[in-house]
Amino acid sequence: MGPNARPGTGGGETCCVSIPRQWRPGLKAKVAWEYDQKEDVASPLPENQTAEVDIPQYRDVGAMHVHFYDGHNIKIVISNCSPRHPFYPMSPADLAPWQSSGTKEDAREAAQRGGGSVDC
């Protein structure tokens, strides 16, 4: 279960999802969502939705990030890094309109100094 998220705002965190320690081909997640606020008071709420979404390969177990796009397109990322981390495993086009904070070079230098990670 997750918090309210409005279009273009991002979202938040919640607990808990069980993720296999090792990725395997065909791994999927069932994502369900509902609309609980009306943008236009005169319009009825859309019906509750569900989708079965492929979970792409990951190296290490981390948080499950669910990204919603127009047309009920959903992508899942399993990562120890936040979407703003430069090594977050998603293309800049898929991450838009958000951008990473800092560069990959900055993250590498911070990791070498012991103040960061590139293990996403």
PDB file of N, CA and C in Angstrom:
ATOM      1  N   MET A   1       0.851  -1.160   0.000  1.00  0.00           N
ATOM      2  CA  MET A   1       0.000   0.000   0.000  1.00  0.00           C
ATOM      3  C   MET A   1       0.895   1.220   0.000  1.00  0.00           C
ATOM      4  N   GLY A   2       0.521   2.222  -0.743  1.00  0.00           N
ATOM      5  CA  GLY A   2       1.326   3.428  -0.832  1.00  0.00           C
ATOM      6  C   GLY A   2       0.527   4.672  -0.538  1.00  0.00           C
ATOM      7  N   PRO A   3       1.221   5.771  -0.423  1.00  0.00           N
ATOM      8  CA  PRO A   3       0.563   7.036  -0.108  1.00  0.00           C
ATOM      9  C   PRO A   3      -0.100   7.645  -1.324  1.00  0.00           C
ATOM     10  N   ASN A   4      -0.860   8.672  -1.067  1.00  0.00           N
ATOM     11  CA  ASN A   4      -1.478   9.404  -2.176  1.00  0.00           C
ATOM     12  C   ASN A   4      -0.393  10.022  -3.042  1.00  0.00           C
ATOM     13  N   ALA A   5      -0.549   9.903  -4.313  1.00  0.00           N
ATOM     14  CA  ALA A   5       0.377  10.512  -5.266  1.00  0.00           C
ATOM     15  C   ALA A   5      -0.452  11.222  -6.313  1.00  0.00           C
ATOM     16  N   ARG A   6      -0.144  12.438  -6.559  1.00  0.00           N
ATOM     17  CA  ARG A   6      -0.852  13.224  -7.560  1.00  0.00           C
ATOM     18  C   ARG A   6      -0.005  13.246  -8.831  1.00  0.00           C
ATOM     19  N   PRO A   7      -0.610  13.415  -9.993  1.00  0.00           N
ATOM     20  CA  PRO A   7       0.158  13.442 -11.243  1.00  0.00           C
ATOM     21  C   PRO A   7       1.290  14.460 -11.187  1.00  0.00           C
ATOM     22  N   GLY A   8       2.478  14.008 -11.582  1.00  0.00           N
ATOM     23  CA  GLY A   8       3.637  14.879 -11.651  1.00  0.00           C
ATOM     24  C   GLY A   8       4.262  15.217 -10.313  1.00  0.00           C
ATOM     25  N   THR A   9       3.825  14.591  -9.214  1.00  0.00           N
ATOM     26  CA  THR A   9       4.346  14.963  -7.901  1.00  0.00           C
ATOM     27  C   THR A   9       5.327  13.965  -7.323  1.00  0.00           C
ATOM     28  N   GLY A  10       5.429  12.795  -7.874  1.00  0.00           N
ATOM     29  CA  GLY A  10       6.280  11.788  -7.264  1.00  0.00           C
ATOM     30  C   GLY A  10       5.442  10.861  -6.436  1.00  0.00           C
ATOM     31  N   GLY A  11       5.708  10.779  -5.185  1.00  0.00           N
ATOM     32  CA  GLY A  11       4.961   9.863  -4.340  1.00  0.00           C
ATOM     33  C   GLY A  11       5.585   9.806  -2.978  1.00  0.00           C
ATOM     34  N   GLY A  12       5.766   8.635  -2.478  1.00  0.00           N
ATOM     35  CA  GLY A  12       6.316   8.476  -1.150  1.00  0.00           C
ATOM     36  C   GLY A  12       6.707   7.042  -0.925  1.00  0.00           C
ATOM     37  N   GLU A  13       6.871   6.694   0.331  1.00  0.00           N
ATOM     38  CA  GLU A  13       7.297   5.351   0.671  1.00  0.00           C
ATOM     39  C   GLU A  13       6.271   4.686   1.562  1.00  0.00           C
ATOM     40  N   THR A  14       6.314   3.386   1.538  1.00  0.00           N
ATOM     41  CA  THR A  14       5.467   2.602   2.422  1.00  0.00           C
ATOM     42  C   THR A  14       6.154   1.279   2.693  1.00  0.00           C
ATOM     43  N   CYS A  15       5.556   0.462   3.470  1.00  0.00           N
ATOM     44  CA  CYS A  15       6.113  -0.831   3.817  1.00  0.00           C
ATOM     45  C   CYS A  15       5.026  -1.859   3.573  1.00  0.00           C
ATOM     46  N   CYS A  16       5.195  -2.912   3.278  1.00  0.00           N
ATOM     47  CA  CYS A  16       6.318  -3.791   3.089  1.00  0.00           C
ATOM     48  C   CYS A  16       6.049  -4.651   1.857  1.00  0.00           C
ATOM     49  N   VAL A  17       7.099  -4.994   1.149  1.00  0.00           N
ATOM     50  CA  VAL A  17       7.028  -5.850  -0.024  1.00  0.00           C
ATOM     51  C   VAL A  17       8.106  -6.914   0.123  1.00  0.00           C
ATOM     52  N   SER A  18       7.777  -8.148  -0.122  1.00  0.00           N
ATOM     53  CA  SER A  18       8.772  -9.221  -0.113  1.00  0.00           C
ATOM     54  C   SER A  18       9.313  -9.392  -1.521  1.00  0.00           C
ATOM     55  N   ILE A  19      10.634  -9.371  -1.629  1.00  0.00           N
ATOM     56  CA  ILE A  19      11.308  -9.477  -2.920  1.00  0.00           C
ATOM     57  C   ILE A  19      12.283 -10.641  -2.834  1.00  0.00           C
ATOM     58  N   PRO A  20      12.288 -11.544  -3.816  1.00  0.00           N
ATOM     59  CA  PRO A  20      13.255 -12.647  -3.782  1.00  0.00           C
ATOM     60  C   PRO A  20      14.694 -12.131  -3.754  1.00  0.00           C
ATOM     61  N   ARG A  21      15.544 -12.808  -2.989  1.00  0.00           N
ATOM     62  CA  ARG A  21      16.958 -12.400  -2.886  1.00  0.00           C
ATOM     63  C   ARG A  21      17.622 -12.376  -4.262  1.00  0.00           C
ATOM     64  N   GLN A  22      17.243 -13.334  -5.100  1.00  0.00           N
ATOM     65  CA  GLN A  22      17.811 -13.383  -6.445  1.00  0.00           C
ATOM     66  C   GLN A  22      16.696 -13.226  -7.469  1.00  0.00           C
ATOM     67  N   TRP A  23      16.977 -12.411  -8.466  1.00  0.00           N
ATOM     68  CA  TRP A  23      16.031 -12.222  -9.566  1.00  0.00           C
ATOM     69  C   TRP A  23      15.966 -13.499 -10.381  1.00  0.00           C
ATOM     70  N   ARG A  24      14.818 -13.756 -10.969  1.00  0.00           N
ATOM     71  CA  ARG A  24      14.663 -14.898 -11.876  1.00  0.00           C
ATOM     72  C   ARG A  24      13.795 -14.459 -13.059  1.00  0.00           C
ATOM     73  N   PRO A  25      14.009 -15.047 -14.214  1.00  0.00           N
ATOM     74  CA  PRO A  25      13.199 -14.693 -15.382  1.00  0.00           C
ATOM     75  C   PRO A  25      11.713 -14.922 -15.097  1.00  0.00           C
ATOM     76  N   GLY A  26      10.891 -14.021 -15.591  1.00  0.00           N
ATOM     77  CA  GLY A  26       9.450 -14.142 -15.433  1.00  0.00           C
ATOM     78  C   GLY A  26       8.916 -13.560 -14.140  1.00  0.00           C
ATOM     79  N   LEU A  27       9.782 -12.948 -13.329  1.00  0.00           N
ATOM     80  CA  LEU A  27       9.353 -12.360 -12.060  1.00  0.00           C
ATOM     81  C   LEU A  27       8.436 -11.165 -12.335  1.00  0.00           C
ATOM     82  N   LYS A  28       7.279 -11.170 -11.690  1.00  0.00           N
ATOM     83  CA  LYS A  28       6.276 -10.131 -11.908  1.00  0.00           C
ATOM     84  C   LYS A  28       5.720  -9.654 -10.573  1.00  0.00           C
ATOM     85  N   ALA A  29       5.086  -8.499 -10.608  1.00  0.00           N
ATOM     86  CA  ALA A  29       4.383  -7.968  -9.437  1.00  0.00           C
ATOM     87  C   ALA A  29       2.992  -7.544  -9.878  1.00  0.00           C
ATOM     88  N   LYS A  30       2.036  -7.759  -9.008  1.00  0.00           N
ATOM     89  CA  LYS A  30       0.682  -7.281  -9.261  1.00  0.00           C
ATOM     90  C   LYS A  30       0.569  -5.921  -8.583  1.00  0.00           C
ATOM     91  N   VAL A  31       0.280  -4.910  -9.378  1.00  0.00           N
ATOM     92  CA  VAL A  31       0.142  -3.543  -8.878  1.00  0.00           C
ATOM     93  C   VAL A  31      -1.331  -3.171  -8.956  1.00  0.00           C
ATOM     94  N   ALA A  32      -1.863  -2.716  -7.843  1.00  0.00           N
ATOM     95  CA  ALA A  32      -3.266  -2.295  -7.795  1.00  0.00           C
ATOM     96  C   ALA A  32      -3.310  -0.859  -7.309  1.00  0.00           C
ATOM     97  N   TRP A  33      -4.197  -0.062  -7.902  1.00  0.00           N
ATOM     98  CA  TRP A  33      -4.336   1.318  -7.450  1.00  0.00           C
ATOM     99  C   TRP A  33      -5.784   1.756  -7.590  1.00  0.00           C
ATOM    100  N   GLU A  34      -6.087   2.759  -6.813  1.00  0.00           N
ATOM    101  CA  GLU A  34      -7.430   3.321  -6.855  1.00  0.00           C
ATOM    102  C   GLU A  34      -7.322   4.836  -6.789  1.00  0.00           C
ATOM    103  N   TYR A  35      -8.367   5.466  -7.205  1.00  0.00           N
ATOM    104  CA  TYR A  35      -8.446   6.920  -7.204  1.00  0.00           C
ATOM    105  C   TYR A  35      -9.333   7.328  -6.037  1.00  0.00           C
ATOM    106  N   ASP A  36      -8.805   8.201  -5.180  1.00  0.00           N
ATOM    107  CA  ASP A  36      -9.605   8.574  -4.025  1.00  0.00           C
ATOM    108  C   ASP A  36      -9.883  10.064  -3.933  1.00  0.00           C
ATOM    109  N   GLN A  37      -9.413  10.821  -4.900  1.00  0.00           N
ATOM    110  CA  GLN A  37      -9.709  12.242  -4.943  1.00  0.00           C
ATOM    111  C   GLN A  37     -10.098  12.620  -6.355  1.00  0.00           C
ATOM    112  N   LYS A  38     -10.997  13.551  -6.455  1.00  0.00           N
ATOM    113  CA  LYS A  38     -11.456  13.981  -7.761  1.00  0.00           C
ATOM    114  C   LYS A  38     -10.736  15.250  -8.177  1.00  0.00           C
ATOM    115  N   GLU A  39     -10.195  15.249  -9.377  1.00  0.00           N
ATOM    116  CA  GLU A  39      -9.631  16.466  -9.946  1.00  0.00           C
ATOM    117  C   GLU A  39     -10.771  17.415 -10.305  1.00  0.00           C
ATOM    118  N   ASP A  40     -11.792  16.846 -10.867  1.00  0.00           N
ATOM    119  CA  ASP A  40     -12.963  17.603 -11.301  1.00  0.00           C
ATOM    120  C   ASP A  40     -14.160  17.040 -10.538  1.00  0.00           C
ATOM    121  N   VAL A  41     -14.715  17.810  -9.636  1.00  0.00           N
ATOM    122  CA  VAL A  41     -15.782  17.326  -8.762  1.00  0.00           C
ATOM    123  C   VAL A  41     -16.968  16.779  -9.555  1.00  0.00           C
ATOM    124  N   ALA A  42     -17.198  17.290 -10.747  1.00  0.00           N
ATOM    125  CA  ALA A  42     -18.345  16.845 -11.544  1.00  0.00           C
ATOM    126  C   ALA A  42     -18.107  15.488 -12.201  1.00  0.00           C
ATOM    127  N   SER A  43     -16.846  15.076 -12.291  1.00  0.00           N
ATOM    128  CA  SER A  43     -16.526  13.811 -12.949  1.00  0.00           C
ATOM    129  C   SER A  43     -16.521  12.664 -11.950  1.00  0.00           C
ATOM    130  N   PRO A  44     -17.021  11.496 -12.350  1.00  0.00           N
ATOM    131  CA  PRO A  44     -16.959  10.339 -11.455  1.00  0.00           C
ATOM    132  C   PRO A  44     -15.523   9.823 -11.350  1.00  0.00           C
ATOM    133  N   LEU A  45     -15.240   9.146 -10.249  1.00  0.00           N
ATOM    134  CA  LEU A  45     -13.916   8.553 -10.073  1.00  0.00           C
ATOM    135  C   LEU A  45     -13.724   7.397 -11.044  1.00  0.00           C
ATOM    136  N   PRO A  46     -12.524   7.251 -11.611  1.00  0.00           N
ATOM    137  CA  PRO A  46     -12.257   6.057 -12.420  1.00  0.00           C
ATOM    138  C   PRO A  46     -12.321   4.812 -11.535  1.00  0.00           C
ATOM    139  N   GLU A  47     -12.575   3.680 -12.144  1.00  0.00           N
ATOM    140  CA  GLU A  47     -12.636   2.423 -11.400  1.00  0.00           C
ATOM    141  C   GLU A  47     -11.244   2.031 -10.919  1.00  0.00           C
ATOM    142  N   ASN A  48     -11.206   1.193  -9.877  1.00  0.00           N
ATOM    143  CA  ASN A  48      -9.932   0.661  -9.386  1.00  0.00           C
ATOM    144  C   ASN A  48      -9.239  -0.081 -10.519  1.00  0.00           C
ATOM    145  N   GLN A  49      -7.915  -0.068 -10.495  1.00  0.00           N
ATOM    146  CA  GLN A  49      -7.126  -0.647 -11.572  1.00  0.00           C
ATOM    147  C   GLN A  49      -6.142  -1.669 -11.012  1.00  0.00           C
ATOM    148  N   THR A  50      -5.768  -2.641 -11.833  1.00  0.00           N
ATOM    149  CA  THR A  50      -4.689  -3.568 -11.499  1.00  0.00           C
ATOM    150  C   THR A  50      -3.884  -3.839 -12.762  1.00  0.00           C
ATOM    151  N   ALA A  51      -2.630  -4.160 -12.568  1.00  0.00           N
ATOM    152  CA  ALA A  51      -1.765  -4.522 -13.694  1.00  0.00           C
ATOM    153  C   ALA A  51      -0.716  -5.499 -13.191  1.00  0.00           C
ATOM    154  N   GLU A  52      -0.370  -6.453 -14.024  1.00  0.00           N
ATOM    155  CA  GLU A  52       0.735  -7.349 -13.737  1.00  0.00           C
ATOM    156  C   GLU A  52       1.943  -6.791 -14.476  1.00  0.00           C
ATOM    157  N   VAL A  53       3.015  -6.511 -13.735  1.00  0.00           N
ATOM    158  CA  VAL A  53       4.164  -5.789 -14.280  1.00  0.00           C
ATOM    159  C   VAL A  53       5.419  -6.639 -14.136  1.00  0.00           C
ATOM    160  N   ASP A  54       6.203  -6.720 -15.211  1.00  0.00           N
ATOM    161  CA  ASP A  54       7.484  -7.421 -15.166  1.00  0.00           C
ATOM    162  C   ASP A  54       8.431  -6.694 -14.219  1.00  0.00           C
ATOM    163  N   ILE A  55       9.193  -7.439 -13.459  1.00  0.00           N
ATOM    164  CA  ILE A  55      10.241  -6.866 -12.622  1.00  0.00           C
ATOM    165  C   ILE A  55      11.554  -7.111 -13.343  1.00  0.00           C
ATOM    166  N   PRO A  56      12.217  -6.037 -13.778  1.00  0.00           N
ATOM    167  CA  PRO A  56      13.473  -6.226 -14.509  1.00  0.00           C
ATOM    168  C   PRO A  56      14.575  -6.753 -13.595  1.00  0.00           C
ATOM    169  N   GLN A  57      15.580  -7.305 -14.217  1.00  0.00           N
ATOM    170  CA  GLN A  57      16.677  -7.923 -13.475  1.00  0.00           C
ATOM    171  C   GLN A  57      17.331  -6.922 -12.531  1.00  0.00           C
ATOM    172  N   TYR A  58      17.650  -7.385 -11.333  1.00  0.00           N
ATOM    173  CA  TYR A  58      18.367  -6.586 -10.350  1.00  0.00           C
ATOM    174  C   TYR A  58      19.504  -7.416  -9.790  1.00  0.00           C
ATOM    175  N   ARG A  59      20.545  -6.723  -9.291  1.00  0.00           N
ATOM    176  CA  ARG A  59      21.696  -7.415  -8.712  1.00  0.00           C
ATOM    177  C   ARG A  59      21.471  -7.702  -7.239  1.00  0.00           C
ATOM    178  N   ASP A  60      21.037  -6.679  -6.512  1.00  0.00           N
ATOM    179  CA  ASP A  60      20.856  -6.779  -5.071  1.00  0.00           C
ATOM    180  C   ASP A  60      19.419  -6.429  -4.717  1.00  0.00           C
ATOM    181  N   VAL A  61      18.928  -7.037  -3.658  1.00  0.00           N
ATOM    182  CA  VAL A  61      17.592  -6.689  -3.177  1.00  0.00           C
ATOM    183  C   VAL A  61      17.651  -5.273  -2.624  1.00  0.00           C
ATOM    184  N   GLY A  62      16.641  -4.502  -2.954  1.00  0.00           N
ATOM    185  CA  GLY A  62      16.538  -3.131  -2.459  1.00  0.00           C
ATOM    186  C   GLY A  62      15.072  -2.779  -2.353  1.00  0.00           C
ATOM    187  N   ALA A  63      14.802  -1.514  -2.350  1.00  0.00           N
ATOM    188  CA  ALA A  63      13.419  -1.045  -2.303  1.00  0.00           C
ATOM    189  C   ALA A  63      12.755  -1.263  -3.657  1.00  0.00           C
ATOM    190  N   MET A  64      11.452  -1.490  -3.624  1.00  0.00           N
ATOM    191  CA  MET A  64      10.691  -1.600  -4.867  1.00  0.00           C
ATOM    192  C   MET A  64      10.120  -0.220  -5.182  1.00  0.00           C
ATOM    193  N   HIS A  65      10.518   0.309  -6.317  1.00  0.00           N
ATOM    194  CA  HIS A  65      10.037   1.606  -6.784  1.00  0.00           C
ATOM    195  C   HIS A  65       9.055   1.349  -7.922  1.00  0.00           C
ATOM    196  N   VAL A  66       7.864   1.900  -7.821  1.00  0.00           N
ATOM    197  CA  VAL A  66       6.841   1.729  -8.851  1.00  0.00           C
ATOM    198  C   VAL A  66       6.628   3.076  -9.520  1.00  0.00           C
ATOM    199  N   HIS A  67       6.840   3.115 -10.822  1.00  0.00           N
ATOM    200  CA  HIS A  67       6.707   4.349 -11.602  1.00  0.00           C
ATOM    201  C   HIS A  67       5.466   4.245 -12.479  1.00  0.00           C
ATOM    202  N   PHE A  68       4.579   5.212 -12.365  1.00  0.00           N
ATOM    203  CA  PHE A  68       3.350   5.262 -13.146  1.00  0.00           C
ATOM    204  C   PHE A  68       3.507   6.294 -14.261  1.00  0.00           C
ATOM    205  N   TYR A  69       3.078   5.928 -15.455  1.00  0.00           N
ATOM    206  CA  TYR A  69       3.136   6.811 -16.619  1.00  0.00           C
ATOM    207  C   TYR A  69       1.745   6.900 -17.238  1.00  0.00           C
ATOM    208  N   ASP A  70       1.604   7.827 -18.168  1.00  0.00           N
ATOM    209  CA  ASP A  70       0.329   7.966 -18.878  1.00  0.00           C
ATOM    210  C   ASP A  70      -0.069   6.642 -19.518  1.00  0.00           C
ATOM    211  N   GLY A  71      -1.363   6.464 -19.671  1.00  0.00           N
ATOM    212  CA  GLY A  71      -1.867   5.268 -20.331  1.00  0.00           C
ATOM    213  C   GLY A  71      -1.726   4.011 -19.499  1.00  0.00           C
ATOM    214  N   HIS A  72      -1.640   4.141 -18.194  1.00  0.00           N
ATOM    215  CA  HIS A  72      -1.492   2.995 -17.279  1.00  0.00           C
ATOM    216  C   HIS A  72      -0.237   2.186 -17.556  1.00  0.00           C
ATOM    217  N   ASN A  73       0.773   2.822 -18.094  1.00  0.00           N
ATOM    218  CA  ASN A  73       2.073   2.189 -18.274  1.00  0.00           C
ATOM    219  C   ASN A  73       2.797   2.251 -16.932  1.00  0.00           C
ATOM    220  N   ILE A  74       3.293   1.130 -16.456  1.00  0.00           N
ATOM    221  CA  ILE A  74       3.934   1.050 -15.146  1.00  0.00           C
ATOM    222  C   ILE A  74       5.277   0.360 -15.306  1.00  0.00           C
ATOM    223  N   LYS A  75       6.285   0.902 -14.629  1.00  0.00           N
ATOM    224  CA  LYS A  75       7.600   0.263 -14.596  1.00  0.00           C
ATOM    225  C   LYS A  75       8.017   0.097 -13.143  1.00  0.00           C
ATOM    226  N   ILE A  76       8.684  -1.003 -12.872  1.00  0.00           N
ATOM    227  CA  ILE A  76       9.176  -1.290 -11.533  1.00  0.00           C
ATOM    228  C   ILE A  76      10.694  -1.327 -11.569  1.00  0.00           C
ATOM    229  N   VAL A  77      11.304  -0.778 -10.524  1.00  0.00           N
ATOM    230  CA  VAL A  77      12.750  -0.828 -10.351  1.00  0.00           C
ATOM    231  C   VAL A  77      13.015  -1.331  -8.935  1.00  0.00           C
ATOM    232  N   ILE A  78      13.931  -2.272  -8.799  1.00  0.00           N
ATOM    233  CA  ILE A  78      14.400  -2.723  -7.490  1.00  0.00           C
ATOM    234  C   ILE A  78      15.792  -2.131  -7.328  1.00  0.00           C
ATOM    235  N   SER A  79      15.961  -1.263  -6.321  1.00  0.00           N
ATOM    236  CA  SER A  79      17.235  -0.573  -6.161  1.00  0.00           C
ATOM    237  C   SER A  79      17.450  -0.130  -4.727  1.00  0.00           C
ATOM    238  N   ASN A  80      18.717  -0.109  -4.313  1.00  0.00           N
ATOM    239  CA  ASN A  80      19.095   0.441  -3.014  1.00  0.00           C
ATOM    240  C   ASN A  80      19.234   1.958  -3.078  1.00  0.00           C
ATOM    241  N   CYS A  81      19.171   2.522  -4.254  1.00  0.00           N
ATOM    242  CA  CYS A  81      19.329   3.962  -4.428  1.00  0.00           C
ATOM    243  C   CYS A  81      17.990   4.622  -4.726  1.00  0.00           C
ATOM    244  N   SER A  82      17.902   5.892  -4.409  1.00  0.00           N
ATOM    245  CA  SER A  82      16.690   6.649  -4.697  1.00  0.00           C
ATOM    246  C   SER A  82      16.679   7.056  -6.175  1.00  0.00           C
ATOM    247  N   PRO A  83      15.516   7.417  -6.695  1.00  0.00           N
ATOM    248  CA  PRO A  83      15.452   7.851  -8.092  1.00  0.00           C
ATOM    249  C   PRO A  83      16.328   9.066  -8.400  1.00  0.00           C
ATOM    250  N   ARG A  84      16.719   9.828  -7.420  1.00  0.00           N
ATOM    251  CA  ARG A  84      17.573  10.994  -7.666  1.00  0.00           C
ATOM    252  C   ARG A  84      19.066  10.647  -7.665  1.00  0.00           C
ATOM    253  N   HIS A  85      19.416   9.404  -7.320  1.00  0.00           N
ATOM    254  CA  HIS A  85      20.819   8.971  -7.326  1.00  0.00           C
ATOM    255  C   HIS A  85      21.274   8.836  -8.773  1.00  0.00           C
ATOM    256  N   PRO A  86      22.490   9.303  -9.088  1.00  0.00           N
ATOM    257  CA  PRO A  86      22.945   9.237 -10.488  1.00  0.00           C
ATOM    258  C   PRO A  86      23.060   7.826 -11.065  1.00  0.00           C
ATOM    259  N   PHE A  87      23.176   6.804 -10.204  1.00  0.00           N
ATOM    260  CA  PHE A  87      23.270   5.433 -10.695  1.00  0.00           C
ATOM    261  C   PHE A  87      21.946   4.680 -10.596  1.00  0.00           C
ATOM    262  N   TYR A  88      20.855   5.392 -10.328  1.00  0.00           N
ATOM    263  CA  TYR A  88      19.544   4.745 -10.296  1.00  0.00           C
ATOM    264  C   TYR A  88      19.325   4.062 -11.643  1.00  0.00           C
ATOM    265  N   PRO A  89      18.950   2.780 -11.663  1.00  0.00           N
ATOM    266  CA  PRO A  89      18.917   2.018 -12.921  1.00  0.00           C
ATOM    267  C   PRO A  89      17.684   2.299 -13.785  1.00  0.00           C
ATOM    268  N   MET A  90      17.582   3.534 -14.251  1.00  0.00           N
ATOM    269  CA  MET A  90      16.486   3.909 -15.145  1.00  0.00           C
ATOM    270  C   MET A  90      17.016   4.996 -16.068  1.00  0.00           C
ATOM    271  N   SER A  91      16.577   4.979 -17.296  1.00  0.00           N
ATOM    272  CA  SER A  91      17.052   5.974 -18.254  1.00  0.00           C
ATOM    273  C   SER A  91      16.538   7.366 -17.874  1.00  0.00           C
ATOM    274  N   PRO A  92      17.271   8.410 -18.246  1.00  0.00           N
ATOM    275  CA  PRO A  92      16.795   9.769 -17.969  1.00  0.00           C
ATOM    276  C   PRO A  92      15.419  10.038 -18.576  1.00  0.00           C
ATOM    277  N   ALA A  93      15.131   9.458 -19.733  1.00  0.00           N
ATOM    278  CA  ALA A  93      13.817   9.668 -20.363  1.00  0.00           C
ATOM    279  C   ALA A  93      12.709   9.051 -19.514  1.00  0.00           C
ATOM    280  N   ASP A  94      12.935   7.849 -18.962  1.00  0.00           N
ATOM    281  CA  ASP A  94      11.929   7.203 -18.116  1.00  0.00           C
ATOM    282  C   ASP A  94      11.803   7.902 -16.766  1.00  0.00           C
ATOM    283  N   LEU A  95      12.878   8.507 -16.303  1.00  0.00           N
ATOM    284  CA  LEU A  95      12.878   9.173 -15.006  1.00  0.00           C
ATOM    285  C   LEU A  95      12.256  10.575 -15.071  1.00  0.00           C
ATOM    286  N   ALA A  96      12.217  11.166 -16.256  1.00  0.00           N
ATOM    287  CA  ALA A  96      11.691  12.535 -16.415  1.00  0.00           C
ATOM    288  C   ALA A  96      10.280  12.642 -15.853  1.00  0.00           C
ATOM    289  N   PRO A  97       9.942  13.747 -15.280  1.00  0.00           N
ATOM    290  CA  PRO A  97      10.646  15.030 -15.269  1.00  0.00           C
ATOM    291  C   PRO A  97      11.689  15.161 -14.173  1.00  0.00           C
ATOM    292  N   TRP A  98      11.921  14.103 -13.371  1.00  0.00           N
ATOM    293  CA  TRP A  98      12.916  14.188 -12.316  1.00  0.00           C
ATOM    294  C   TRP A  98      14.301  13.930 -12.884  1.00  0.00           C
ATOM    295  N   GLN A  99      15.294  14.495 -12.223  1.00  0.00           N
ATOM    296  CA  GLN A  99      16.679  14.322 -12.645  1.00  0.00           C
ATOM    297  C   GLN A  99      17.509  13.900 -11.447  1.00  0.00           C
ATOM    298  N   SER A 100      18.631  13.246 -11.751  1.00  0.00           N
ATOM    299  CA  SER A 100      19.500  12.871 -10.649  1.00  0.00           C
ATOM    300  C   SER A 100      20.165  14.114 -10.069  1.00  0.00           C
ATOM    301  N   SER A 101      20.468  14.021  -8.793  1.00  0.00           N
ATOM    302  CA  SER A 101      21.186  15.109  -8.140  1.00  0.00           C
ATOM    303  C   SER A 101      22.656  14.720  -8.122  1.00  0.00           C
ATOM    304  N   GLY A 102      23.459  15.447  -8.826  1.00  0.00           N
ATOM    305  CA  GLY A 102      24.873  15.122  -8.940  1.00  0.00           C
ATOM    306  C   GLY A 102      25.137  14.263 -10.160  1.00  0.00           C
ATOM    307  N   THR A 103      26.409  14.033 -10.373  1.00  0.00           N
ATOM    308  CA  THR A 103      26.835  13.257 -11.534  1.00  0.00           C
ATOM    309  C   THR A 103      27.342  11.893 -11.087  1.00  0.00           C
ATOM    310  N   LYS A 104      27.515  11.004 -12.038  1.00  0.00           N
ATOM    311  CA  LYS A 104      28.075   9.696 -11.729  1.00  0.00           C
ATOM    312  C   LYS A 104      29.502   9.831 -11.197  1.00  0.00           C
ATOM    313  N   GLU A 105      30.241  10.799 -11.734  1.00  0.00           N
ATOM    314  CA  GLU A 105      31.605  11.025 -11.264  1.00  0.00           C
ATOM    315  C   GLU A 105      31.594  11.464  -9.796  1.00  0.00           C
ATOM    316  N   ASP A 106      30.673  12.376  -9.424  1.00  0.00           N
ATOM    317  CA  ASP A 106      30.555  12.808  -8.029  1.00  0.00           C
ATOM    318  C   ASP A 106      30.239  11.619  -7.126  1.00  0.00           C
ATOM    319  N   ALA A 107      29.331  10.749  -7.563  1.00  0.00           N
ATOM    320  CA  ALA A 107      28.953   9.585  -6.762  1.00  0.00           C
ATOM    321  C   ALA A 107      30.129   8.633  -6.601  1.00  0.00           C
ATOM    322  N   ARG A 108      30.911   8.433  -7.670  1.00  0.00           N
ATOM    323  CA  ARG A 108      32.091   7.559  -7.579  1.00  0.00           C
ATOM    324  C   ARG A 108      33.102   8.122  -6.575  1.00  0.00           C
ATOM    325  N   GLU A 109      33.348   9.441  -6.658  1.00  0.00           N
ATOM    326  CA  GLU A 109      34.295  10.066  -5.732  1.00  0.00           C
ATOM    327  C   GLU A 109      33.801   9.959  -4.290  1.00  0.00           C
ATOM    328  N   ALA A 110      32.513  10.194  -4.054  1.00  0.00           N
ATOM    329  CA  ALA A 110      31.955  10.082  -2.701  1.00  0.00           C
ATOM    330  C   ALA A 110      32.077   8.659  -2.189  1.00  0.00           C
ATOM    331  N   ALA A 111      31.842   7.675  -3.051  1.00  0.00           N
ATOM    332  CA  ALA A 111      31.960   6.272  -2.636  1.00  0.00           C
ATOM    333  C   ALA A 111      33.403   5.938  -2.273  1.00  0.00           C
ATOM    334  N   GLN A 112      34.344   6.474  -3.024  1.00  0.00           N
ATOM    335  CA  GLN A 112      35.762   6.224  -2.730  1.00  0.00           C
ATOM    336  C   GLN A 112      36.160   6.837  -1.396  1.00  0.00           C
ATOM    337  N   ARG A 113      35.540   7.974  -1.043  1.00  0.00           N
ATOM    338  CA  ARG A 113      35.834   8.628   0.244  1.00  0.00           C
ATOM    339  C   ARG A 113      35.056   7.976   1.382  1.00  0.00           C
ATOM    340  N   GLY A 114      34.167   7.024   1.045  1.00  0.00           N
ATOM    341  CA  GLY A 114      33.368   6.351   2.064  1.00  0.00           C
ATOM    342  C   GLY A 114      32.076   7.068   2.404  1.00  0.00           C
ATOM    343  N   GLY A 115      31.665   7.998   1.553  1.00  0.00           N
ATOM    344  CA  GLY A 115      30.456   8.778   1.869  1.00  0.00           C
ATOM    345  C   GLY A 115      29.328   8.561   0.905  1.00  0.00           C
ATOM    346  N   GLY A 116      29.321   7.468   0.191  1.00  0.00           N
ATOM    347  CA  GLY A 116      28.254   7.227  -0.755  1.00  0.00           C
ATOM    348  C   GLY A 116      28.369   5.848  -1.349  1.00  0.00           C
ATOM    349  N   SER A 117      27.536   5.597  -2.342  1.00  0.00           N
ATOM    350  CA  SER A 117      27.513   4.280  -2.963  1.00  0.00           C
ATOM    351  C   SER A 117      27.202   4.406  -4.439  1.00  0.00           C
ATOM    352  N   VAL A 118      27.693   3.459  -5.189  1.00  0.00           N
ATOM    353  CA  VAL A 118      27.297   3.339  -6.590  1.00  0.00           C
ATOM    354  C   VAL A 118      26.610   1.993  -6.817  1.00  0.00           C
ATOM    355  N   ASP A 119      26.295   1.304  -5.731  1.00  0.00           N
ATOM    356  CA  ASP A 119      25.660  -0.003  -5.807  1.00  0.00           C
ATOM    357  C   ASP A 119      24.143   0.143  -5.846  1.00  0.00           C
ATOM    358  N   CYS A 120      23.634   0.381  -7.027  1.00  0.00           N
ATOM    359  CA  CYS A 120      22.187   0.523  -7.183  1.00  0.00           C
ATOM    360  C   CYS A 120      21.671  -0.657  -7.946  1.00  0.00           C
TER     361      CYS A 120
END
